[in-house]
């Protein structure tokens, strides 16, 4: 009886000791900022998106990511593939004068064209909106990917469809000690990008100009946690350079801003025509996502509705 009672006492003591030890380890690790950040990232795979917090959503004047209709940015550089070959790369990004309602929020339609060795490799419509605090949100995109000038896939994701959730493209006030954030969550097409401030106060020179107080954002995908893309942002301009970091980055891309343009009415008419043609394709190719959205509208017409 004494032995049985003794064994019971050990079991009771052990039952108390293990939870206490677990709590001690948890709170000790929680004080470690790396653990806390990792824990936050794991628990919050997507952002809390509230359409009621977008009173002037198409007025995107975030100092790090301004999107004024008629702005065209061109980057040039190289992509080093897995075989080590350097391939010329050019990206053209235009802020159109179109808007589109996604998830109850009116977004600005941007048109992106990606050229590899002179050939169009990918073109896409991307949708952004700014909340009342000045954060710029990424509400989704419709891309078309080409090989030998033939369409091979169009993996669209938009907030509210197939479990996709909008993410933050640029914080209103990025901070070095802030945890990472989702740049959008599109599980149906494998979109799991995240970002966080990597450096601040940098000086960077590119063909388009020299910039001080540059912000560097580190981006990665959940599936490739050790492969990072670095994006450099200048106030009042936006993204001025792209680089890479990490041994896991097999395709090493570098891009520098070479031209900033403000298009006239004639050029904007051509942009609008091209973007609307791409949307026409989207309605045909993305039957489970894009086909269920409202058509894009000229910005002037959309403003008249508010």
C-alpha atoms as a PDB file:
ATOM      1  CA  UNK A   1       0.000   0.000   0.000  1.00  0.00           C
ATOM      2  CA  UNK A   2       2.806   2.360   0.831  1.00  0.00           C
ATOM      3  CA  UNK A   3       4.483   1.641  -2.526  1.00  0.00           C
ATOM      4  CA  UNK A   4       1.244   2.251  -4.374  1.00  0.00           C
ATOM      5  CA  UNK A   5       0.681   5.479  -2.511  1.00  0.00           C
ATOM      6  CA  UNK A   6       4.268   6.524  -3.223  1.00  0.00           C
ATOM      7  CA  UNK A   7       3.806   5.882  -6.930  1.00  0.00           C
ATOM      8  CA  UNK A   8       0.619   7.912  -6.879  1.00  0.00           C
ATOM      9  CA  UNK A   9       2.448  10.836  -5.280  1.00  0.00           C
ATOM     10  CA  UNK A  10       5.083  10.762  -8.019  1.00  0.00           C
ATOM     11  CA  UNK A  11       2.413  10.756 -10.696  1.00  0.00           C
ATOM     12  CA  UNK A  12       0.626  13.671  -9.052  1.00  0.00           C
ATOM     13  CA  UNK A  13       3.856  15.638  -8.700  1.00  0.00           C
ATOM     14  CA  UNK A  14       4.745  14.893 -12.317  1.00  0.00           C
ATOM     15  CA  UNK A  15       1.289  15.939 -13.493  1.00  0.00           C
ATOM     16  CA  UNK A  16       1.795  19.311 -11.818  1.00  0.00           C
ATOM     17  CA  UNK A  17       5.439  19.774 -12.790  1.00  0.00           C
ATOM     18  CA  UNK A  18       5.066  19.180 -16.544  1.00  0.00           C
ATOM     19  CA  UNK A  19       2.472  21.956 -17.179  1.00  0.00           C
ATOM     20  CA  UNK A  20       4.467  24.355 -14.993  1.00  0.00           C
ATOM     21  CA  UNK A  21       7.655  23.579 -16.949  1.00  0.00           C
ATOM     22  CA  UNK A  22       5.810  23.951 -20.251  1.00  0.00           C
ATOM     23  CA  UNK A  23       4.484  27.356 -19.199  1.00  0.00           C
ATOM     24  CA  UNK A  24       7.956  28.452 -18.125  1.00  0.00           C
ATOM     25  CA  UNK A  25       9.467  27.435 -21.476  1.00  0.00           C
ATOM     26  CA  UNK A  26       6.643  29.114 -23.402  1.00  0.00           C
ATOM     27  CA  UNK A  27       6.919  32.452 -21.594  1.00  0.00           C
ATOM     28  CA  UNK A  28      10.727  32.369 -21.755  1.00  0.00           C
ATOM     29  CA  UNK A  29      10.659  31.812 -25.521  1.00  0.00           C
ATOM     30  CA  UNK A  30       7.934  34.405 -25.958  1.00  0.00           C
ATOM     31  CA  UNK A  31      10.352  37.036 -24.710  1.00  0.00           C
ATOM     32  CA  UNK A  32      12.608  36.186 -27.648  1.00  0.00           C
ATOM     33  CA  UNK A  33      11.601  38.488 -30.537  1.00  0.00           C
ATOM     34  CA  UNK A  34      12.508  35.902 -33.192  1.00  0.00           C
ATOM     35  CA  UNK A  35      10.232  33.314 -31.595  1.00  0.00           C
ATOM     36  CA  UNK A  36       7.456  35.867 -31.089  1.00  0.00           C
ATOM     37  CA  UNK A  37       7.658  36.967 -34.715  1.00  0.00           C
ATOM     38  CA  UNK A  38       7.670  33.383 -35.978  1.00  0.00           C
ATOM     39  CA  UNK A  39       4.718  32.567 -33.746  1.00  0.00           C
ATOM     40  CA  UNK A  40       2.780  35.580 -35.047  1.00  0.00           C
ATOM     41  CA  UNK A  41       3.538  34.644 -38.641  1.00  0.00           C
ATOM     42  CA  UNK A  42       2.411  31.079 -38.109  1.00  0.00           C
ATOM     43  CA  UNK A  43      -0.819  32.073 -36.359  1.00  0.00           C
ATOM     44  CA  UNK A  44      -1.782  34.897 -38.727  1.00  0.00           C
ATOM     45  CA  UNK A  45      -1.426  33.613 -42.258  1.00  0.00           C
ATOM     46  CA  UNK A  46      -3.638  36.376 -43.652  1.00  0.00           C
ATOM     47  CA  UNK A  47      -4.636  39.913 -42.684  1.00  0.00           C
ATOM     48  CA  UNK A  48      -7.927  41.135 -41.219  1.00  0.00           C
ATOM     49  CA  UNK A  49      -9.637  42.795 -44.162  1.00  0.00           C
ATOM     50  CA  UNK A  50     -12.527  45.136 -43.332  1.00  0.00           C
ATOM     51  CA  UNK A  51     -14.231  46.805 -46.342  1.00  0.00           C
ATOM     52  CA  UNK A  52     -15.767  49.419 -44.030  1.00  0.00           C
ATOM     53  CA  UNK A  53     -12.330  51.009 -43.527  1.00  0.00           C
ATOM     54  CA  UNK A  54     -11.861  52.186 -47.122  1.00  0.00           C
ATOM     55  CA  UNK A  55     -13.592  55.569 -47.412  1.00  0.00           C
ATOM     56  CA  UNK A  56     -11.376  56.904 -50.240  1.00  0.00           C
ATOM     57  CA  UNK A  57      -9.894  53.666 -51.488  1.00  0.00           C
ATOM     58  CA  UNK A  58      -8.776  54.827 -54.950  1.00  0.00           C
ATOM     59  CA  UNK A  59      -6.876  57.865 -53.657  1.00  0.00           C
ATOM     60  CA  UNK A  60      -3.591  55.998 -53.173  1.00  0.00           C
ATOM     61  CA  UNK A  61      -1.088  58.558 -51.891  1.00  0.00           C
ATOM     62  CA  UNK A  62       1.011  56.365 -49.595  1.00  0.00           C
ATOM     63  CA  UNK A  63       4.469  58.014 -49.684  1.00  0.00           C
ATOM     64  CA  UNK A  64       6.221  54.685 -50.383  1.00  0.00           C
ATOM     65  CA  UNK A  65       3.695  53.334 -52.872  1.00  0.00           C
ATOM     66  CA  UNK A  66       1.836  56.173 -54.618  1.00  0.00           C
ATOM     67  CA  UNK A  67      -0.436  55.125 -57.470  1.00  0.00           C
ATOM     68  CA  UNK A  68      -1.410  58.152 -59.527  1.00  0.00           C
ATOM     69  CA  UNK A  69      -3.352  57.298 -62.693  1.00  0.00           C
ATOM     70  CA  UNK A  70      -1.227  57.869 -65.769  1.00  0.00           C
ATOM     71  CA  UNK A  71       2.076  56.949 -64.121  1.00  0.00           C
ATOM     72  CA  UNK A  72       4.210  54.451 -66.029  1.00  0.00           C
ATOM     73  CA  UNK A  73       7.309  52.897 -64.461  1.00  0.00           C
ATOM     74  CA  UNK A  74       9.856  50.846 -66.409  1.00  0.00           C
ATOM     75  CA  UNK A  75      12.496  48.616 -64.829  1.00  0.00           C
ATOM     76  CA  UNK A  76      15.316  46.817 -66.603  1.00  0.00           C
ATOM     77  CA  UNK A  77      17.792  44.210 -65.419  1.00  0.00           C
ATOM     78  CA  UNK A  78      18.603  40.526 -65.660  1.00  0.00           C
ATOM     79  CA  UNK A  79      17.331  37.219 -64.412  1.00  0.00           C
ATOM     80  CA  UNK A  80      19.914  34.517 -63.728  1.00  0.00           C
ATOM     81  CA  UNK A  81      18.228  31.165 -64.188  1.00  0.00           C
ATOM     82  CA  UNK A  82      19.070  27.852 -62.499  1.00  0.00           C
ATOM     83  CA  UNK A  83      21.696  27.096 -65.170  1.00  0.00           C
ATOM     84  CA  UNK A  84      23.459  30.382 -64.431  1.00  0.00           C
ATOM     85  CA  UNK A  85      22.458  32.113 -67.665  1.00  0.00           C
ATOM     86  CA  UNK A  86      21.771  35.868 -67.420  1.00  0.00           C
ATOM     87  CA  UNK A  87      18.615  36.747 -69.359  1.00  0.00           C
ATOM     88  CA  UNK A  88      17.621  40.379 -70.099  1.00  0.00           C
ATOM     89  CA  UNK A  89      14.492  41.337 -68.206  1.00  0.00           C
ATOM     90  CA  UNK A  90      12.162  44.341 -68.505  1.00  0.00           C
ATOM     91  CA  UNK A  91       8.987  45.178 -66.583  1.00  0.00           C
ATOM     92  CA  UNK A  92       6.505  47.922 -67.474  1.00  0.00           C
ATOM     93  CA  UNK A  93       3.925  48.936 -64.863  1.00  0.00           C
ATOM     94  CA  UNK A  94       1.109  51.399 -65.556  1.00  0.00           C
ATOM     95  CA  UNK A  95      -1.444  52.875 -63.167  1.00  0.00           C
ATOM     96  CA  UNK A  96      -4.596  52.979 -65.293  1.00  0.00           C
ATOM     97  CA  UNK A  97      -7.580  55.283 -64.896  1.00  0.00           C
ATOM     98  CA  UNK A  98      -9.827  52.248 -64.346  1.00  0.00           C
ATOM     99  CA  UNK A  99     -11.312  50.999 -61.077  1.00  0.00           C
ATOM    100  CA  UNK A 100     -12.858  47.690 -60.092  1.00  0.00           C
ATOM    101  CA  UNK A 101     -14.905  46.646 -57.056  1.00  0.00           C
ATOM    102  CA  UNK A 102     -13.470  43.611 -55.267  1.00  0.00           C
ATOM    103  CA  UNK A 103     -14.729  42.408 -51.898  1.00  0.00           C
ATOM    104  CA  UNK A 104     -16.887  45.496 -51.501  1.00  0.00           C
ATOM    105  CA  UNK A 105     -13.938  47.861 -52.016  1.00  0.00           C
ATOM    106  CA  UNK A 106     -13.274  49.908 -55.147  1.00  0.00           C
ATOM    107  CA  UNK A 107      -9.689  49.336 -56.250  1.00  0.00           C
ATOM    108  CA  UNK A 108      -7.298  50.960 -58.709  1.00  0.00           C
ATOM    109  CA  UNK A 109      -6.501  48.782 -61.724  1.00  0.00           C
ATOM    110  CA  UNK A 110      -2.812  48.525 -62.609  1.00  0.00           C
ATOM    111  CA  UNK A 111      -1.404  46.829 -65.702  1.00  0.00           C
ATOM    112  CA  UNK A 112       1.918  45.009 -65.526  1.00  0.00           C
ATOM    113  CA  UNK A 113       3.894  43.604 -68.501  1.00  0.00           C
ATOM    114  CA  UNK A 114       6.914  41.370 -67.962  1.00  0.00           C
ATOM    115  CA  UNK A 115       9.391  40.787 -70.809  1.00  0.00           C
ATOM    116  CA  UNK A 116      12.124  38.140 -70.837  1.00  0.00           C
ATOM    117  CA  UNK A 117      14.804  38.512 -73.519  1.00  0.00           C
ATOM    118  CA  UNK A 118      12.461  40.811 -75.473  1.00  0.00           C
ATOM    119  CA  UNK A 119       9.454  38.480 -75.448  1.00  0.00           C
ATOM    120  CA  UNK A 120       6.326  39.005 -73.379  1.00  0.00           C
ATOM    121  CA  UNK A 121       6.490  36.394 -70.636  1.00  0.00           C
ATOM    122  CA  UNK A 122       3.650  37.552 -68.400  1.00  0.00           C
ATOM    123  CA  UNK A 123       1.024  40.279 -68.325  1.00  0.00           C
ATOM    124  CA  UNK A 124      -1.407  40.933 -65.528  1.00  0.00           C
ATOM    125  CA  UNK A 125      -4.039  43.160 -64.006  1.00  0.00           C
ATOM    126  CA  UNK A 126      -3.306  43.968 -60.359  1.00  0.00           C
ATOM    127  CA  UNK A 127      -5.729  45.595 -57.934  1.00  0.00           C
ATOM    128  CA  UNK A 128      -4.806  47.964 -55.096  1.00  0.00           C
ATOM    129  CA  UNK A 129      -6.770  50.042 -52.591  1.00  0.00           C
ATOM    130  CA  UNK A 130      -5.748  52.307 -49.699  1.00  0.00           C
ATOM    131  CA  UNK A 131      -7.440  52.111 -46.312  1.00  0.00           C
ATOM    132  CA  UNK A 132      -8.241  55.015 -44.007  1.00  0.00           C
ATOM    133  CA  UNK A 133      -4.917  54.602 -42.184  1.00  0.00           C
ATOM    134  CA  UNK A 134      -2.883  54.881 -45.370  1.00  0.00           C
ATOM    135  CA  UNK A 135      -2.000  51.199 -45.836  1.00  0.00           C
ATOM    136  CA  UNK A 136      -2.056  50.005 -49.452  1.00  0.00           C
ATOM    137  CA  UNK A 137      -3.810  46.671 -49.890  1.00  0.00           C
ATOM    138  CA  UNK A 138      -3.333  44.083 -52.618  1.00  0.00           C
ATOM    139  CA  UNK A 139      -6.765  42.696 -53.492  1.00  0.00           C
ATOM    140  CA  UNK A 140      -5.638  40.193 -56.094  1.00  0.00           C
ATOM    141  CA  UNK A 141      -4.553  39.818 -59.681  1.00  0.00           C
ATOM    142  CA  UNK A 142      -5.274  38.232 -63.014  1.00  0.00           C
ATOM    143  CA  UNK A 143      -2.050  37.080 -64.740  1.00  0.00           C
ATOM    144  CA  UNK A 144      -1.497  35.499 -68.116  1.00  0.00           C
ATOM    145  CA  UNK A 145       1.706  33.471 -68.515  1.00  0.00           C
ATOM    146  CA  UNK A 146       3.133  32.765 -71.980  1.00  0.00           C
ATOM    147  CA  UNK A 147       5.616  30.340 -73.493  1.00  0.00           C
ATOM    148  CA  UNK A 148       6.602  30.852 -77.133  1.00  0.00           C
ATOM    149  CA  UNK A 149       3.834  33.478 -77.400  1.00  0.00           C
ATOM    150  CA  UNK A 150       1.191  30.950 -76.332  1.00  0.00           C
ATOM    151  CA  UNK A 151      -0.930  31.262 -73.195  1.00  0.00           C
ATOM    152  CA  UNK A 152      -0.055  28.437 -70.791  1.00  0.00           C
ATOM    153  CA  UNK A 153      -1.852  29.489 -67.592  1.00  0.00           C
ATOM    154  CA  UNK A 154      -3.920  32.244 -65.993  1.00  0.00           C
ATOM    155  CA  UNK A 155      -3.797  31.632 -62.202  1.00  0.00           C
ATOM    156  CA  UNK A 156      -6.085  34.414 -60.986  1.00  0.00           C
ATOM    157  CA  UNK A 157      -6.809  35.090 -57.335  1.00  0.00           C
ATOM    158  CA  UNK A 158      -9.108  37.777 -55.975  1.00  0.00           C
ATOM    159  CA  UNK A 159     -10.236  38.553 -52.444  1.00  0.00           C
ATOM    160  CA  UNK A 160     -13.405  36.667 -51.559  1.00  0.00           C
ATOM    161  CA  UNK A 161     -13.056  33.875 -54.117  1.00  0.00           C
ATOM    162  CA  UNK A 162     -11.681  30.370 -53.477  1.00  0.00           C
ATOM    163  CA  UNK A 163     -10.704  31.330 -49.908  1.00  0.00           C
ATOM    164  CA  UNK A 164      -8.480  34.196 -51.070  1.00  0.00           C
ATOM    165  CA  UNK A 165      -7.902  37.123 -48.698  1.00  0.00           C
ATOM    166  CA  UNK A 166      -6.465  40.542 -49.533  1.00  0.00           C
ATOM    167  CA  UNK A 167      -3.058  41.431 -48.110  1.00  0.00           C
ATOM    168  CA  UNK A 168      -0.995  44.533 -47.414  1.00  0.00           C
ATOM    169  CA  UNK A 169       1.355  45.687 -50.151  1.00  0.00           C
ATOM    170  CA  UNK A 170       2.748  48.658 -48.234  1.00  0.00           C
ATOM    171  CA  UNK A 171       2.276  49.827 -44.673  1.00  0.00           C
ATOM    172  CA  UNK A 172       1.515  53.494 -44.047  1.00  0.00           C
ATOM    173  CA  UNK A 173       4.439  53.687 -41.610  1.00  0.00           C
ATOM    174  CA  UNK A 174       6.840  50.738 -42.009  1.00  0.00           C
ATOM    175  CA  UNK A 175       8.893  49.910 -38.914  1.00  0.00           C
ATOM    176  CA  UNK A 176      11.988  47.785 -38.530  1.00  0.00           C
ATOM    177  CA  UNK A 177      10.751  46.004 -35.419  1.00  0.00           C
ATOM    178  CA  UNK A 178       7.312  45.165 -36.836  1.00  0.00           C
ATOM    179  CA  UNK A 179       6.356  41.533 -37.595  1.00  0.00           C
ATOM    180  CA  UNK A 180       5.873  40.270 -41.124  1.00  0.00           C
ATOM    181  CA  UNK A 181       2.547  40.659 -42.884  1.00  0.00           C
ATOM    182  CA  UNK A 182       0.648  38.829 -45.592  1.00  0.00           C
ATOM    183  CA  UNK A 183       0.741  40.420 -49.045  1.00  0.00           C
ATOM    184  CA  UNK A 184      -2.251  38.362 -50.051  1.00  0.00           C
ATOM    185  CA  UNK A 185      -3.507  34.842 -49.491  1.00  0.00           C
ATOM    186  CA  UNK A 186      -4.558  32.891 -52.584  1.00  0.00           C
ATOM    187  CA  UNK A 187      -4.290  29.196 -51.631  1.00  0.00           C
ATOM    188  CA  UNK A 188      -5.970  27.952 -54.814  1.00  0.00           C
ATOM    189  CA  UNK A 189      -3.054  29.237 -56.920  1.00  0.00           C
ATOM    190  CA  UNK A 190      -0.275  29.028 -54.332  1.00  0.00           C
ATOM    191  CA  UNK A 191      -0.053  32.761 -53.574  1.00  0.00           C
ATOM    192  CA  UNK A 192       1.374  33.014 -50.039  1.00  0.00           C
ATOM    193  CA  UNK A 193       3.682  36.045 -50.245  1.00  0.00           C
ATOM    194  CA  UNK A 194       4.749  37.893 -47.102  1.00  0.00           C
ATOM    195  CA  UNK A 195       6.753  41.052 -46.453  1.00  0.00           C
ATOM    196  CA  UNK A 196       8.535  42.969 -43.719  1.00  0.00           C
ATOM    197  CA  UNK A 197      10.829  45.987 -43.393  1.00  0.00           C
ATOM    198  CA  UNK A 198      14.442  44.903 -43.911  1.00  0.00           C
ATOM    199  CA  UNK A 199      16.365  48.207 -44.019  1.00  0.00           C
ATOM    200  CA  UNK A 200      15.601  51.918 -43.832  1.00  0.00           C
ATOM    201  CA  UNK A 201      17.499  55.123 -44.593  1.00  0.00           C
ATOM    202  CA  UNK A 202      19.447  53.675 -47.521  1.00  0.00           C
ATOM    203  CA  UNK A 203      20.950  55.664 -50.423  1.00  0.00           C
ATOM    204  CA  UNK A 204      20.376  54.069 -53.829  1.00  0.00           C
ATOM    205  CA  UNK A 205      21.301  55.204 -57.356  1.00  0.00           C
ATOM    206  CA  UNK A 206      19.505  53.795 -60.406  1.00  0.00           C
ATOM    207  CA  UNK A 207      19.289  55.037 -64.016  1.00  0.00           C
ATOM    208  CA  UNK A 208      16.119  56.995 -63.191  1.00  0.00           C
ATOM    209  CA  UNK A 209      17.866  58.970 -60.429  1.00  0.00           C
ATOM    210  CA  UNK A 210      19.559  58.930 -57.032  1.00  0.00           C
ATOM    211  CA  UNK A 211      17.456  58.531 -53.913  1.00  0.00           C
ATOM    212  CA  UNK A 212      18.040  58.890 -50.173  1.00  0.00           C
ATOM    213  CA  UNK A 213      16.044  57.541 -47.227  1.00  0.00           C
ATOM    214  CA  UNK A 214      15.183  54.422 -49.215  1.00  0.00           C
ATOM    215  CA  UNK A 215      13.060  51.688 -47.620  1.00  0.00           C
ATOM    216  CA  UNK A 216      13.907  48.027 -48.302  1.00  0.00           C
ATOM    217  CA  UNK A 217      11.150  45.435 -48.005  1.00  0.00           C
ATOM    218  CA  UNK A 218      12.044  41.746 -47.794  1.00  0.00           C
ATOM    219  CA  UNK A 219       9.518  39.424 -49.431  1.00  0.00           C
ATOM    220  CA  UNK A 220       9.167  35.660 -49.530  1.00  0.00           C
ATOM    221  CA  UNK A 221       6.636  32.899 -50.114  1.00  0.00           C
ATOM    222  CA  UNK A 222       5.554  30.432 -47.451  1.00  0.00           C
ATOM    223  CA  UNK A 223       6.740  27.538 -49.632  1.00  0.00           C
ATOM    224  CA  UNK A 224      10.243  29.082 -49.970  1.00  0.00           C
ATOM    225  CA  UNK A 225      11.101  30.485 -46.525  1.00  0.00           C
ATOM    226  CA  UNK A 226      14.826  30.811 -47.287  1.00  0.00           C
ATOM    227  CA  UNK A 227      14.495  32.607 -50.655  1.00  0.00           C
ATOM    228  CA  UNK A 228      13.983  36.355 -50.448  1.00  0.00           C
ATOM    229  CA  UNK A 229      13.303  39.185 -52.878  1.00  0.00           C
ATOM    230  CA  UNK A 230      14.392  42.660 -51.836  1.00  0.00           C
ATOM    231  CA  UNK A 231      12.392  45.644 -53.076  1.00  0.00           C
ATOM    232  CA  UNK A 232      13.712  49.188 -52.660  1.00  0.00           C
ATOM    233  CA  UNK A 233      11.212  52.046 -52.293  1.00  0.00           C
ATOM    234  CA  UNK A 234      11.771  55.801 -52.575  1.00  0.00           C
ATOM    235  CA  UNK A 235       9.327  58.359 -51.206  1.00  0.00           C
ATOM    236  CA  UNK A 236       7.019  59.839 -53.801  1.00  0.00           C
ATOM    237  CA  UNK A 237       8.135  57.346 -56.447  1.00  0.00           C
ATOM    238  CA  UNK A 238       7.629  53.779 -55.283  1.00  0.00           C
ATOM    239  CA  UNK A 239       9.705  50.746 -56.209  1.00  0.00           C
ATOM    240  CA  UNK A 240      13.077  51.802 -57.663  1.00  0.00           C
ATOM    241  CA  UNK A 241      15.034  48.543 -57.527  1.00  0.00           C
ATOM    242  CA  UNK A 242      14.701  44.794 -57.004  1.00  0.00           C
ATOM    243  CA  UNK A 243      17.324  42.399 -55.678  1.00  0.00           C
ATOM    244  CA  UNK A 244      17.559  39.050 -53.934  1.00  0.00           C
ATOM    245  CA  UNK A 245      18.855  37.473 -50.763  1.00  0.00           C
ATOM    246  CA  UNK A 246      19.283  33.912 -49.516  1.00  0.00           C
ATOM    247  CA  UNK A 247      20.780  30.675 -50.713  1.00  0.00           C
ATOM    248  CA  UNK A 248      17.327  29.302 -51.485  1.00  0.00           C
ATOM    249  CA  UNK A 249      16.794  31.848 -54.259  1.00  0.00           C
ATOM    250  CA  UNK A 250      17.440  29.796 -57.401  1.00  0.00           C
ATOM    251  CA  UNK A 251      16.250  32.412 -59.896  1.00  0.00           C
ATOM    252  CA  UNK A 252      18.178  35.583 -59.119  1.00  0.00           C
ATOM    253  CA  UNK A 253      16.477  38.690 -60.435  1.00  0.00           C
ATOM    254  CA  UNK A 254      17.813  42.231 -60.398  1.00  0.00           C
ATOM    255  CA  UNK A 255      15.878  45.212 -61.729  1.00  0.00           C
ATOM    256  CA  UNK A 256      16.484  48.967 -61.643  1.00  0.00           C
ATOM    257  CA  UNK A 257      14.076  51.762 -62.429  1.00  0.00           C
ATOM    258  CA  UNK A 258      15.096  53.319 -65.744  1.00  0.00           C
ATOM    259  CA  UNK A 259      12.143  55.564 -66.538  1.00  0.00           C
ATOM    260  CA  UNK A 260       9.237  57.340 -64.830  1.00  0.00           C
ATOM    261  CA  UNK A 261       6.589  58.742 -67.183  1.00  0.00           C
ATOM    262  CA  UNK A 262       3.319  60.591 -66.812  1.00  0.00           C
ATOM    263  CA  UNK A 263       1.188  59.656 -69.801  1.00  0.00           C
ATOM    264  CA  UNK A 264      -0.941  62.072 -71.815  1.00  0.00           C
ATOM    265  CA  UNK A 265      -4.575  61.505 -72.780  1.00  0.00           C
ATOM    266  CA  UNK A 266      -3.722  59.730 -76.042  1.00  0.00           C
ATOM    267  CA  UNK A 267      -1.335  57.303 -74.359  1.00  0.00           C
ATOM    268  CA  UNK A 268      -3.826  56.674 -71.555  1.00  0.00           C
ATOM    269  CA  UNK A 269      -6.500  55.784 -74.091  1.00  0.00           C
ATOM    270  CA  UNK A 270      -4.192  53.066 -75.428  1.00  0.00           C
ATOM    271  CA  UNK A 271      -3.485  51.839 -71.914  1.00  0.00           C
ATOM    272  CA  UNK A 272      -7.187  51.688 -71.134  1.00  0.00           C
ATOM    273  CA  UNK A 273      -7.823  49.741 -74.334  1.00  0.00           C
ATOM    274  CA  UNK A 274      -5.089  47.217 -73.511  1.00  0.00           C
ATOM    275  CA  UNK A 275      -6.206  46.745 -69.914  1.00  0.00           C
ATOM    276  CA  UNK A 276      -9.839  46.233 -70.906  1.00  0.00           C
ATOM    277  CA  UNK A 277      -8.794  43.670 -73.518  1.00  0.00           C
ATOM    278  CA  UNK A 278      -6.928  41.795 -70.805  1.00  0.00           C
ATOM    279  CA  UNK A 279     -10.043  41.943 -68.618  1.00  0.00           C
ATOM    280  CA  UNK A 280     -12.058  40.536 -71.519  1.00  0.00           C
ATOM    281  CA  UNK A 281      -9.642  37.603 -71.593  1.00  0.00           C
ATOM    282  CA  UNK A 282     -10.027  37.222 -67.824  1.00  0.00           C
ATOM    283  CA  UNK A 283     -13.778  36.755 -68.046  1.00  0.00           C
ATOM    284  CA  UNK A 284     -13.197  33.958 -70.551  1.00  0.00           C
ATOM    285  CA  UNK A 285     -10.198  32.257 -68.919  1.00  0.00           C
ATOM    286  CA  UNK A 286     -11.023  32.613 -65.202  1.00  0.00           C
ATOM    287  CA  UNK A 287     -14.516  31.151 -64.969  1.00  0.00           C
ATOM    288  CA  UNK A 288     -14.385  30.366 -61.234  1.00  0.00           C
ATOM    289  CA  UNK A 289     -12.981  33.708 -60.088  1.00  0.00           C
ATOM    290  CA  UNK A 290     -12.867  36.688 -62.427  1.00  0.00           C
ATOM    291  CA  UNK A 291     -16.071  35.792 -64.257  1.00  0.00           C
ATOM    292  CA  UNK A 292     -18.037  36.558 -61.068  1.00  0.00           C
ATOM    293  CA  UNK A 293     -16.773  40.138 -60.659  1.00  0.00           C
ATOM    294  CA  UNK A 294     -18.213  43.456 -61.761  1.00  0.00           C
ATOM    295  CA  UNK A 295     -16.606  45.012 -64.869  1.00  0.00           C
ATOM    296  CA  UNK A 296     -13.870  47.616 -64.491  1.00  0.00           C
ATOM    297  CA  UNK A 297     -15.000  51.234 -64.925  1.00  0.00           C
ATOM    298  CA  UNK A 298     -13.327  54.541 -65.805  1.00  0.00           C
ATOM    299  CA  UNK A 299     -12.306  56.341 -62.645  1.00  0.00           C
ATOM    300  CA  UNK A 300     -14.432  59.417 -63.384  1.00  0.00           C
ATOM    301  CA  UNK A 301     -17.565  57.285 -63.703  1.00  0.00           C
ATOM    302  CA  UNK A 302     -16.831  55.369 -60.508  1.00  0.00           C
ATOM    303  CA  UNK A 303     -16.330  58.608 -58.562  1.00  0.00           C
ATOM    304  CA  UNK A 304     -19.741  59.835 -59.706  1.00  0.00           C
ATOM    305  CA  UNK A 305     -21.312  56.877 -57.875  1.00  0.00           C
ATOM    306  CA  UNK A 306     -19.993  57.973 -54.464  1.00  0.00           C
END
